[in-house]
Amino acid sequence: MKKLEIYGDSILRGVTYSAETGRYELYSRDRFADLRESGIETENNSRMGATIDRGLTMLKRKLGEDADGTVVVFEYGGNDCDYKWADVSENPDGDFLPNTPEDVYTETYREAISYARSCGATPVIASLVPIDAEKYMRWISRNLSYENILRWLGDVSMLSRWQEYYSRTAERLAYETGAPLLDLRSTFLLSHDYKSLLCDDGIHPTARGHAMIDAAIAKFVKKIG
């Protein structure tokens, strides 16, 4: 293994939320130093708000045709499974589709995996970091109708169940395509201090949560490299 390329959303970008400043920021600008010290080049192409469709576009632009010795980590689904909450708030009896419907998500993810392999790279699929449904519900309903969004959902935990469904879809894709699975989800679920690992928005990890993610990635890469 010569290089690690990461394609994902704000979670693997390293974005966290500061309650003090009320702004999003990067938790660290010096990540994966131990991998670089061991001779593995790292490139993070994750972007805030990215879906699998945007990820595939980025992959085709950034991954070289001769990517032998490159491990490509994919982490998509968090934004794909999300909804336009202002529309839900306005019409709680309506029918809505997520940003990326499951069939499109699956088909596009398969294409990304296939493309990485065609370039000689080894694709890896990461499971999704779980959300805190209560925190996220408060976050998405700011300046909107909490009651209407809850009415459409049925219960607050539907937020976490739906996100888990997309994570399990990604895990199933790993199994079906033979791609190694980077299990970030279990790292969080097994923590006895789980709520401290996620910011006030309920989705972005705290600095401690991000440190756990980086450690899990480094351990995984060294194992398969």
C-alpha atoms as a PDB file:
ATOM      1  CA  MET A   1       0.000   0.000   0.000  1.00  0.00           C
ATOM      2  CA  LYS A   2       1.323   3.396  -1.033  1.00  0.00           C
ATOM      3  CA  LYS A   3      -1.582   5.798  -0.638  1.00  0.00           C
ATOM      4  CA  LEU A   4      -4.856   6.322   1.223  1.00  0.00           C
ATOM      5  CA  GLU A   5      -7.554   8.374  -0.481  1.00  0.00           C
ATOM      6  CA  ILE A   6     -10.699   9.222   1.488  1.00  0.00           C
ATOM      7  CA  TYR A   7     -13.994  10.125  -0.180  1.00  0.00           C
ATOM      8  CA  GLY A   8     -16.812  11.071   2.146  1.00  0.00           C
ATOM      9  CA  ASP A   9     -18.812  13.845   3.737  1.00  0.00           C
ATOM     10  CA  SER A  10     -18.146  16.214   6.623  1.00  0.00           C
ATOM     11  CA  ILE A  11     -17.695  13.349   9.088  1.00  0.00           C
ATOM     12  CA  LEU A  12     -14.487  12.105   7.480  1.00  0.00           C
ATOM     13  CA  ARG A  13     -13.557  15.644   6.530  1.00  0.00           C
ATOM     14  CA  GLY A  14     -13.108  16.192  10.257  1.00  0.00           C
ATOM     15  CA  VAL A  15     -15.824  18.797  10.726  1.00  0.00           C
ATOM     16  CA  THR A  16     -17.028  19.512  14.240  1.00  0.00           C
ATOM     17  CA  TYR A  17     -19.412  22.098  15.694  1.00  0.00           C
ATOM     18  CA  SER A  18     -18.377  24.639  18.309  1.00  0.00           C
ATOM     19  CA  ALA A  19     -21.206  25.651  20.633  1.00  0.00           C
ATOM     20  CA  GLU A  20     -19.046  28.544  21.826  1.00  0.00           C
ATOM     21  CA  THR A  21     -18.648  30.171  18.415  1.00  0.00           C
ATOM     22  CA  GLY A  22     -21.773  28.724  16.813  1.00  0.00           C
ATOM     23  CA  ARG A  23     -19.699  27.697  13.816  1.00  0.00           C
ATOM     24  CA  TYR A  24     -18.432  24.562  12.122  1.00  0.00           C
ATOM     25  CA  GLU A  25     -14.693  24.038  12.080  1.00  0.00           C
ATOM     26  CA  LEU A  26     -12.077  21.341  11.497  1.00  0.00           C
ATOM     27  CA  TYR A  27     -11.104  19.532  14.651  1.00  0.00           C
ATOM     28  CA  SER A  28      -7.507  19.061  13.484  1.00  0.00           C
ATOM     29  CA  ARG A  29      -5.363  20.005  10.520  1.00  0.00           C
ATOM     30  CA  ASP A  30      -2.680  17.394  11.168  1.00  0.00           C
ATOM     31  CA  ARG A  31      -4.453  14.077  10.776  1.00  0.00           C
ATOM     32  CA  PHE A  32      -2.992  10.625  10.008  1.00  0.00           C
ATOM     33  CA  ALA A  33       0.546  11.723  10.839  1.00  0.00           C
ATOM     34  CA  ASP A  34       1.370   8.170  11.935  1.00  0.00           C
ATOM     35  CA  LEU A  35       0.373   6.847   8.502  1.00  0.00           C
ATOM     36  CA  ARG A  36       2.537   9.403   6.738  1.00  0.00           C
ATOM     37  CA  GLU A  37       5.437   8.543   9.015  1.00  0.00           C
ATOM     38  CA  SER A  38       5.087   4.914   7.958  1.00  0.00           C
ATOM     39  CA  GLY A  39       5.372   5.948   4.306  1.00  0.00           C
ATOM     40  CA  ILE A  40       1.676   6.025   3.367  1.00  0.00           C
ATOM     41  CA  GLU A  41       0.575   9.152   1.515  1.00  0.00           C
ATOM     42  CA  THR A  42      -2.873  10.414   2.545  1.00  0.00           C
ATOM     43  CA  GLU A  43      -5.349  12.521   0.595  1.00  0.00           C
ATOM     44  CA  ASN A  44      -8.739  13.525   2.013  1.00  0.00           C
ATOM     45  CA  ASN A  45     -11.291  14.372  -0.683  1.00  0.00           C
ATOM     46  CA  SER A  46     -14.255  14.470   1.704  1.00  0.00           C
ATOM     47  CA  ARG A  47     -16.549  17.484   1.495  1.00  0.00           C
ATOM     48  CA  MET A  48     -19.249  18.862   3.756  1.00  0.00           C
ATOM     49  CA  GLY A  49     -22.706  18.072   2.413  1.00  0.00           C
ATOM     50  CA  ALA A  50     -21.436  15.460  -0.039  1.00  0.00           C
ATOM     51  CA  THR A  51     -23.700  12.665  -1.250  1.00  0.00           C
ATOM     52  CA  ILE A  52     -22.676   9.521  -3.098  1.00  0.00           C
ATOM     53  CA  ASP A  53     -23.438  11.216  -6.433  1.00  0.00           C
ATOM     54  CA  ARG A  54     -21.059  14.074  -5.676  1.00  0.00           C
ATOM     55  CA  GLY A  55     -18.571  11.548  -4.356  1.00  0.00           C
ATOM     56  CA  LEU A  56     -18.567   9.613  -7.620  1.00  0.00           C
ATOM     57  CA  THR A  57     -17.987  12.821  -9.557  1.00  0.00           C
ATOM     58  CA  MET A  58     -15.089  13.686  -7.250  1.00  0.00           C
ATOM     59  CA  LEU A  59     -13.670  10.166  -7.563  1.00  0.00           C
ATOM     60  CA  LYS A  60     -13.620  10.314 -11.358  1.00  0.00           C
ATOM     61  CA  ARG A  61     -11.886  13.679 -11.225  1.00  0.00           C
ATOM     62  CA  LYS A  62      -9.285  12.888  -8.565  1.00  0.00           C
ATOM     63  CA  LEU A  63      -8.405   9.194  -8.730  1.00  0.00           C
ATOM     64  CA  GLY A  64      -5.689   8.456 -11.263  1.00  0.00           C
ATOM     65  CA  GLU A  65      -6.076   5.745 -13.862  1.00  0.00           C
ATOM     66  CA  ASP A  66      -3.063   3.914 -12.428  1.00  0.00           C
ATOM     67  CA  ALA A  67      -4.031   3.698  -8.760  1.00  0.00           C
ATOM     68  CA  ASP A  68      -2.303   0.432  -7.956  1.00  0.00           C
ATOM     69  CA  GLY A  69      -1.303   0.428  -4.289  1.00  0.00           C
ATOM     70  CA  THR A  70      -4.035   2.931  -3.377  1.00  0.00           C
ATOM     71  CA  VAL A  71      -6.749   2.226  -0.805  1.00  0.00           C
ATOM     72  CA  VAL A  72      -9.923   4.254  -1.357  1.00  0.00           C
ATOM     73  CA  VAL A  73     -12.187   4.665   1.663  1.00  0.00           C
ATOM     74  CA  PHE A  74     -15.804   5.588   0.895  1.00  0.00           C
ATOM     75  CA  GLU A  75     -18.092   7.062   3.555  1.00  0.00           C
ATOM     76  CA  TYR A  76     -21.441   8.204   2.195  1.00  0.00           C
ATOM     77  CA  GLY A  77     -25.044   7.998   3.327  1.00  0.00           C
ATOM     78  CA  GLY A  78     -25.484  10.609   6.049  1.00  0.00           C
ATOM     79  CA  ASN A  79     -26.476  13.353   3.629  1.00  0.00           C
ATOM     80  CA  ASP A  80     -28.053  10.912   1.208  1.00  0.00           C
ATOM     81  CA  CYS A  81     -30.650   9.790   3.759  1.00  0.00           C
ATOM     82  CA  ASP A  82     -31.471  13.318   4.912  1.00  0.00           C
ATOM     83  CA  TYR A  83     -34.601  15.275   3.989  1.00  0.00           C
ATOM     84  CA  LYS A  84     -35.488  18.887   3.266  1.00  0.00           C
ATOM     85  CA  TRP A  85     -36.892  19.553   6.714  1.00  0.00           C
ATOM     86  CA  ALA A  86     -38.432  22.923   5.840  1.00  0.00           C
ATOM     87  CA  ASP A  87     -40.709  21.132   3.353  1.00  0.00           C
ATOM     88  CA  VAL A  88     -41.633  18.517   5.947  1.00  0.00           C
ATOM     89  CA  SER A  89     -42.340  21.209   8.507  1.00  0.00           C
ATOM     90  CA  GLU A  90     -44.638  23.001   6.083  1.00  0.00           C
ATOM     91  CA  ASN A  91     -46.575  19.893   5.061  1.00  0.00           C
ATOM     92  CA  PRO A  92     -46.382  17.088   7.661  1.00  0.00           C
ATOM     93  CA  ASP A  93     -48.892  14.978   5.731  1.00  0.00           C
ATOM     94  CA  GLY A  94     -46.876  15.050   2.516  1.00  0.00           C
ATOM     95  CA  ASP A  95     -44.806  12.377   0.833  1.00  0.00           C
ATOM     96  CA  PHE A  96     -41.111  13.137   0.616  1.00  0.00           C
ATOM     97  CA  LEU A  97     -38.015  11.493  -0.791  1.00  0.00           C
ATOM     98  CA  PRO A  98     -34.572  11.653   0.837  1.00  0.00           C
ATOM     99  CA  ASN A  99     -31.769  13.495  -0.924  1.00  0.00           C
ATOM    100  CA  THR A 100     -30.728  10.204  -2.522  1.00  0.00           C
ATOM    101  CA  PRO A 101     -33.397   7.476  -2.666  1.00  0.00           C
ATOM    102  CA  GLU A 102     -32.147   4.041  -1.657  1.00  0.00           C
ATOM    103  CA  ASP A 103     -32.142   2.557  -5.169  1.00  0.00           C
ATOM    104  CA  VAL A 104     -30.119   5.467  -6.555  1.00  0.00           C
ATOM    105  CA  TYR A 105     -27.811   5.362  -3.535  1.00  0.00           C
ATOM    106  CA  THR A 106     -27.125   1.656  -4.043  1.00  0.00           C
ATOM    107  CA  GLU A 107     -26.634   1.893  -7.805  1.00  0.00           C
ATOM    108  CA  THR A 108     -24.307   4.893  -7.569  1.00  0.00           C
ATOM    109  CA  TYR A 109     -22.298   3.351  -4.736  1.00  0.00           C
ATOM    110  CA  ARG A 110     -21.794   0.203  -6.822  1.00  0.00           C
ATOM    111  CA  GLU A 111     -20.544   2.359  -9.687  1.00  0.00           C
ATOM    112  CA  ALA A 112     -18.058   4.100  -7.389  1.00  0.00           C
ATOM    113  CA  ILE A 113     -16.725   0.778  -6.127  1.00  0.00           C
ATOM    114  CA  SER A 114     -16.425  -0.551  -9.677  1.00  0.00           C
ATOM    115  CA  TYR A 115     -14.668   2.589 -10.886  1.00  0.00           C
ATOM    116  CA  ALA A 116     -12.102   2.481  -8.075  1.00  0.00           C
ATOM    117  CA  ARG A 117     -11.308  -1.133  -8.931  1.00  0.00           C
ATOM    118  CA  SER A 118     -11.018  -0.338 -12.634  1.00  0.00           C
ATOM    119  CA  CYS A 119      -8.261   2.115 -11.726  1.00  0.00           C
ATOM    120  CA  GLY A 120      -6.413  -0.542  -9.737  1.00  0.00           C
ATOM    121  CA  ALA A 121      -7.376   0.782  -6.303  1.00  0.00           C
ATOM    122  CA  THR A 122      -8.760  -1.210  -3.387  1.00  0.00           C
ATOM    123  CA  PRO A 123     -12.191   0.162  -2.368  1.00  0.00           C
ATOM    124  CA  VAL A 124     -13.202   0.136   1.310  1.00  0.00           C
ATOM    125  CA  ILE A 125     -16.682   0.977   2.578  1.00  0.00           C
ATOM    126  CA  ALA A 126     -17.113   2.690   5.942  1.00  0.00           C
ATOM    127  CA  SER A 127     -20.247   2.255   8.002  1.00  0.00           C
ATOM    128  CA  LEU A 128     -21.905   5.466   9.159  1.00  0.00           C
ATOM    129  CA  VAL A 129     -21.170   7.082  12.481  1.00  0.00           C
ATOM    130  CA  PRO A 130     -24.497   6.963  14.381  1.00  0.00           C
ATOM    131  CA  ILE A 131     -26.457  10.094  15.190  1.00  0.00           C
ATOM    132  CA  ASP A 132     -28.035  11.330  18.418  1.00  0.00           C
ATOM    133  CA  ALA A 133     -31.693  11.516  17.409  1.00  0.00           C
ATOM    134  CA  GLU A 134     -32.787  13.824  20.238  1.00  0.00           C
ATOM    135  CA  LYS A 135     -30.042  16.354  19.548  1.00  0.00           C
ATOM    136  CA  TYR A 136     -30.601  16.159  15.803  1.00  0.00           C
ATOM    137  CA  MET A 137     -34.345  16.636  16.162  1.00  0.00           C
ATOM    138  CA  ARG A 138     -33.789  19.828  18.119  1.00  0.00           C
ATOM    139  CA  TRP A 139     -31.272  20.948  15.504  1.00  0.00           C
ATOM    140  CA  ILE A 140     -33.355  20.404  12.369  1.00  0.00           C
ATOM    141  CA  SER A 141     -36.466  21.966  13.926  1.00  0.00           C
ATOM    142  CA  ARG A 142     -34.803  25.294  14.711  1.00  0.00           C
ATOM    143  CA  ASN A 143     -37.022  28.030  13.256  1.00  0.00           C
ATOM    144  CA  LEU A 144     -39.346  25.280  12.014  1.00  0.00           C
ATOM    145  CA  SER A 145     -42.263  23.382  13.531  1.00  0.00           C
ATOM    146  CA  TYR A 146     -40.999  20.681  15.889  1.00  0.00           C
ATOM    147  CA  GLU A 147     -44.524  19.304  16.185  1.00  0.00           C
ATOM    148  CA  ASN A 148     -45.040  19.016  12.419  1.00  0.00           C
ATOM    149  CA  ILE A 149     -41.709  17.292  11.835  1.00  0.00           C
ATOM    150  CA  LEU A 150     -42.433  14.906  14.706  1.00  0.00           C
ATOM    151  CA  ARG A 151     -45.869  14.217  13.253  1.00  0.00           C
ATOM    152  CA  TRP A 152     -44.322  13.216   9.941  1.00  0.00           C
ATOM    153  CA  LEU A 153     -41.612  11.092  11.562  1.00  0.00           C
ATOM    154  CA  GLY A 154     -43.928   9.297  13.968  1.00  0.00           C
ATOM    155  CA  ASP A 155     -41.322   9.360  16.733  1.00  0.00           C
ATOM    156  CA  VAL A 156     -37.929  10.991  17.237  1.00  0.00           C
ATOM    157  CA  SER A 157     -36.019   7.719  17.072  1.00  0.00           C
ATOM    158  CA  MET A 158     -37.134   7.332  13.447  1.00  0.00           C
ATOM    159  CA  LEU A 159     -34.273   9.706  12.631  1.00  0.00           C
ATOM    160  CA  SER A 160     -31.674   7.282  13.955  1.00  0.00           C
ATOM    161  CA  ARG A 161     -33.434   4.213  12.583  1.00  0.00           C
ATOM    162  CA  TRP A 162     -33.532   5.686   9.077  1.00  0.00           C
ATOM    163  CA  GLN A 163     -29.872   6.655   9.215  1.00  0.00           C
ATOM    164  CA  GLU A 164     -29.052   3.162  10.474  1.00  0.00           C
ATOM    165  CA  TYR A 165     -30.927   1.720   7.493  1.00  0.00           C
ATOM    166  CA  TYR A 166     -28.605   3.549   5.102  1.00  0.00           C
ATOM    167  CA  SER A 167     -25.591   2.422   7.089  1.00  0.00           C
ATOM    168  CA  ARG A 168     -26.758  -1.175   6.850  1.00  0.00           C
ATOM    169  CA  THR A 169     -27.289  -0.694   3.121  1.00  0.00           C
ATOM    170  CA  ALA A 170     -23.653   0.384   2.826  1.00  0.00           C
ATOM    171  CA  GLU A 171     -22.581  -2.630   4.887  1.00  0.00           C
ATOM    172  CA  ARG A 172     -24.598  -4.914   2.618  1.00  0.00           C
ATOM    173  CA  LEU A 173     -22.879  -3.407  -0.409  1.00  0.00           C
ATOM    174  CA  ALA A 174     -19.513  -4.194   1.152  1.00  0.00           C
ATOM    175  CA  TYR A 175     -20.580  -7.808   1.574  1.00  0.00           C
ATOM    176  CA  GLU A 176     -22.064  -8.130  -1.915  1.00  0.00           C
ATOM    177  CA  THR A 177     -19.109  -6.533  -3.704  1.00  0.00           C
ATOM    178  CA  GLY A 178     -16.399  -8.099  -1.563  1.00  0.00           C
ATOM    179  CA  ALA A 179     -15.111  -4.710  -0.419  1.00  0.00           C
ATOM    180  CA  PRO A 180     -13.562  -4.573   3.063  1.00  0.00           C
ATOM    181  CA  LEU A 181     -15.810  -2.930   5.672  1.00  0.00           C
ATOM    182  CA  LEU A 182     -14.422  -0.210   7.920  1.00  0.00           C
ATOM    183  CA  ASP A 183     -16.762  -0.420  10.903  1.00  0.00           C
ATOM    184  CA  LEU A 184     -16.816   3.091  12.350  1.00  0.00           C
ATOM    185  CA  ARG A 185     -20.319   2.640  13.714  1.00  0.00           C
ATOM    186  CA  SER A 186     -19.489   0.025  16.317  1.00  0.00           C
ATOM    187  CA  THR A 187     -16.693   2.190  17.687  1.00  0.00           C
ATOM    188  CA  PHE A 188     -19.339   4.707  18.755  1.00  0.00           C
ATOM    189  CA  LEU A 189     -22.125   2.310  19.707  1.00  0.00           C
ATOM    190  CA  LEU A 190     -19.905   0.452  22.173  1.00  0.00           C
ATOM    191  CA  SER A 191     -18.907   3.624  24.002  1.00  0.00           C
ATOM    192  CA  HIS A 192     -20.338   4.137  27.498  1.00  0.00           C
ATOM    193  CA  ASP A 193     -19.943   7.880  26.977  1.00  0.00           C
ATOM    194  CA  TYR A 194     -21.665   7.987  23.618  1.00  0.00           C
ATOM    195  CA  LYS A 195     -23.419  11.361  23.906  1.00  0.00           C
ATOM    196  CA  SER A 196     -20.130  13.134  24.576  1.00  0.00           C
ATOM    197  CA  LEU A 197     -18.847  11.938  21.210  1.00  0.00           C
ATOM    198  CA  LEU A 198     -21.389  13.958  19.192  1.00  0.00           C
ATOM    199  CA  CYS A 199     -21.832  17.726  18.986  1.00  0.00           C
ATOM    200  CA  ASP A 200     -24.970  19.718  19.754  1.00  0.00           C
ATOM    201  CA  ASP A 201     -26.239  19.179  16.202  1.00  0.00           C
ATOM    202  CA  GLY A 202     -26.445  15.456  16.881  1.00  0.00           C
ATOM    203  CA  ILE A 203     -24.487  14.391  13.807  1.00  0.00           C
ATOM    204  CA  HIS A 204     -20.934  15.760  13.832  1.00  0.00           C
ATOM    205  CA  PRO A 205     -18.404  14.150  16.157  1.00  0.00           C
ATOM    206  CA  THR A 206     -16.695  16.109  18.881  1.00  0.00           C
ATOM    207  CA  ALA A 207     -12.893  16.289  18.878  1.00  0.00           C
ATOM    208  CA  ARG A 208     -12.872  13.123  20.967  1.00  0.00           C
ATOM    209  CA  GLY A 209     -15.193  11.390  18.512  1.00  0.00           C
ATOM    210  CA  HIS A 210     -13.020  12.409  15.576  1.00  0.00           C
ATOM    211  CA  ALA A 211      -9.919  11.119  17.357  1.00  0.00           C
ATOM    212  CA  MET A 212     -11.660   7.751  17.657  1.00  0.00           C
ATOM    213  CA  ILE A 213     -12.463   7.788  13.936  1.00  0.00           C
ATOM    214  CA  ASP A 214      -8.884   8.620  12.975  1.00  0.00           C
ATOM    215  CA  ALA A 215      -7.536   5.869  15.232  1.00  0.00           C
ATOM    216  CA  ALA A 216      -9.955   3.348  13.707  1.00  0.00           C
ATOM    217  CA  ILE A 217      -8.952   4.343  10.162  1.00  0.00           C
ATOM    218  CA  ALA A 218      -5.218   4.180  10.922  1.00  0.00           C
ATOM    219  CA  LYS A 219      -5.566   0.759  12.574  1.00  0.00           C
ATOM    220  CA  PHE A 220      -7.636  -0.561   9.671  1.00  0.00           C
ATOM    221  CA  VAL A 221      -5.288   0.749   6.993  1.00  0.00           C
ATOM    222  CA  LYS A 222      -2.223  -0.691   8.684  1.00  0.00           C
ATOM    223  CA  LYS A 223      -3.982  -4.042   8.947  1.00  0.00           C
ATOM    224  CA  ILE A 224      -4.912  -4.304   5.282  1.00  0.00           C
ATOM    225  CA  GLY A 225      -1.772  -2.552   4.019  1.00  0.00           C
END
